[in-house]
Amino acid sequence: MKSLLSQLVSNPFGAFAILALAAYLEVYGDACFSSGLWHATGARRFSWFAAGAFVLVFYSLFLNASQIDFGKLLGIYVVLFFVVAQLVAKFKFHQSPTPPIYVGGALIVAGGLVMTLWRS
């Protein structure tokens, strides 16, 4: 598994795919906790918390096993995290972005591009 992930991250498209999946796992793990806190009680609440813990542990193992230079790719990861978070908010929680989210999101995307593409 580690060698497959290492091969994937050696290619820019593979690294993008790994980061996109990692962003999805992180956002979904957080969404599980949110569902447990605000939309469930009793055993169902515990199930959401357990699912969130499992997904976040899997996210961490997955991202760290890929041996990706996380600091170098942080800009694009932040952008992916923002976009995935907005998609999960829309489709899981039925929350539409507001104008401040669109403006802030544009700044996040611009900052991510600067962090990713600027060569010093």
Protein backbone atom coordinates (compact mmCIF):
# COMPACT_ATOMS: atom_id res chain seq x y z
CA MET A 1 0.00 0.00 0.00
CA LYS A 2 2.81 2.43 0.90
CA SER A 3 4.62 1.85 -2.40
CA LEU A 4 1.40 2.43 -4.36
CA LEU A 5 0.77 5.69 -2.53
CA SER A 6 4.39 6.76 -3.06
CA GLN A 7 4.03 6.12 -6.79
CA LEU A 8 0.80 8.12 -6.87
CA VAL A 9 2.23 11.17 -5.12
CA SER A 10 5.24 11.24 -7.44
CA ASN A 11 2.86 12.33 -10.22
CA PRO A 12 1.19 15.79 -9.87
CA PHE A 13 -2.23 14.38 -10.77
CA GLY A 14 -1.79 11.52 -8.32
CA ALA A 15 -0.76 13.95 -5.58
CA PHE A 16 -3.85 16.04 -6.36
CA ALA A 17 -6.05 12.94 -6.12
CA ILE A 18 -4.49 11.92 -2.79
CA LEU A 19 -5.00 15.42 -1.40
CA ALA A 20 -8.59 15.56 -2.68
CA LEU A 21 -9.38 12.23 -1.02
CA ALA A 22 -7.68 13.34 2.18
CA ALA A 23 -9.71 16.57 2.21
CA TYR A 24 -12.90 14.57 1.69
CA LEU A 25 -12.05 12.19 4.54
CA GLU A 26 -11.21 15.04 6.90
CA VAL A 27 -14.38 16.98 6.09
CA TYR A 28 -16.55 13.87 6.26
CA GLY A 29 -15.06 12.86 9.62
CA ASP A 30 -15.87 16.31 10.97
CA ALA A 31 -19.36 16.07 9.49
CA CYS A 32 -19.92 12.80 11.36
CA PHE A 33 -19.13 14.54 14.64
CA SER A 34 -21.44 17.42 13.72
CA SER A 35 -24.23 14.96 12.94
CA GLY A 36 -23.68 13.27 16.29
CA LEU A 37 -23.69 16.53 18.22
CA TRP A 38 -26.65 18.21 16.58
CA HIS A 39 -28.79 15.60 14.81
CA ALA A 40 -28.77 12.46 16.94
CA THR A 41 -29.25 11.17 20.46
CA GLY A 42 -28.44 7.99 22.36
CA ALA A 43 -26.90 5.10 20.45
CA ARG A 44 -27.22 6.92 17.15
CA ARG A 45 -25.12 9.79 18.55
CA PHE A 46 -22.45 7.32 19.67
CA SER A 47 -22.51 5.72 16.21
CA TRP A 48 -21.85 9.10 14.56
CA PHE A 49 -18.97 9.77 16.97
CA ALA A 50 -17.48 6.33 16.33
CA ALA A 51 -17.80 6.81 12.56
CA GLY A 52 -16.17 10.24 12.82
CA ALA A 53 -13.28 8.86 14.86
CA PHE A 54 -12.79 5.99 12.41
CA VAL A 55 -12.81 8.26 9.36
CA LEU A 56 -10.41 10.78 10.94
CA VAL A 57 -7.98 8.03 12.00
CA PHE A 58 -8.17 6.55 8.49
CA TYR A 59 -7.59 10.02 7.01
CA SER A 60 -4.49 10.53 9.14
CA LEU A 61 -3.04 7.09 8.37
CA PHE A 62 -3.81 7.49 4.67
CA LEU A 63 -2.27 10.95 4.38
CA ASN A 64 0.85 10.10 6.38
CA ALA A 65 1.41 6.76 4.64
CA SER A 66 1.57 8.55 1.29
CA GLN A 67 4.81 10.32 2.30
CA ILE A 68 3.55 13.45 0.60
CA ASP A 69 5.41 16.71 1.24
CA PHE A 70 2.43 18.15 3.08
CA GLY A 71 4.05 21.52 3.81
CA LYS A 72 4.85 22.03 0.15
CA LEU A 73 1.34 21.15 -0.96
CA LEU A 74 -0.50 22.88 1.88
CA GLY A 75 -1.86 25.62 -0.39
CA ILE A 76 -3.73 23.27 -2.68
CA TYR A 77 -4.87 21.17 0.31
CA VAL A 78 -6.46 24.21 1.96
CA VAL A 79 -8.30 24.99 -1.28
CA LEU A 80 -9.49 21.39 -1.61
CA PHE A 81 -10.56 21.32 2.03
CA PHE A 82 -12.60 24.50 1.54
CA VAL A 83 -14.29 23.25 -1.63
CA VAL A 84 -15.08 19.82 -0.18
CA ALA A 85 -16.38 21.42 3.03
CA GLN A 86 -18.76 23.59 1.01
CA LEU A 87 -19.97 20.58 -0.98
CA VAL A 88 -20.61 18.56 2.18
CA ALA A 89 -22.35 21.54 3.79
CA LYS A 90 -24.60 21.85 0.74
CA PHE A 91 -25.46 18.20 0.14
CA LYS A 92 -25.36 16.71 3.65
CA PHE A 93 -26.57 19.63 5.75
CA HIS A 94 -28.49 21.62 3.08
CA GLN A 95 -26.55 24.81 3.88
CA SER A 96 -25.98 27.09 0.91
CA PRO A 97 -22.92 29.37 0.79
CA THR A 98 -23.54 33.02 1.59
CA PRO A 99 -21.87 35.98 -0.16
CA PRO A 100 -19.17 36.23 2.56
CA ILE A 101 -18.35 32.55 2.02
CA TYR A 102 -18.04 33.12 -1.73
CA VAL A 103 -15.75 36.13 -1.20
CA GLY A 104 -13.70 34.40 1.49
CA GLY A 105 -13.55 31.29 -0.66
CA ALA A 106 -12.18 33.30 -3.57
CA LEU A 107 -9.47 34.61 -1.24
CA ILE A 108 -8.72 31.05 -0.04
CA VAL A 109 -8.41 29.86 -3.65
CA ALA A 110 -6.18 32.83 -4.53
CA GLY A 111 -4.00 32.21 -1.46
CA GLY A 112 -3.76 28.51 -2.25
CA LEU A 113 -2.63 29.28 -5.78
CA VAL A 114 0.02 31.68 -4.47
CA MET A 115 1.29 29.09 -1.95
CA THR A 116 1.35 26.33 -4.54
CA LEU A 117 2.66 28.11 -7.62
CA TRP A 118 5.03 30.78 -6.27
CA ARG A 119 8.62 29.71 -6.82
CA SER A 120 11.11 31.58 -4.65
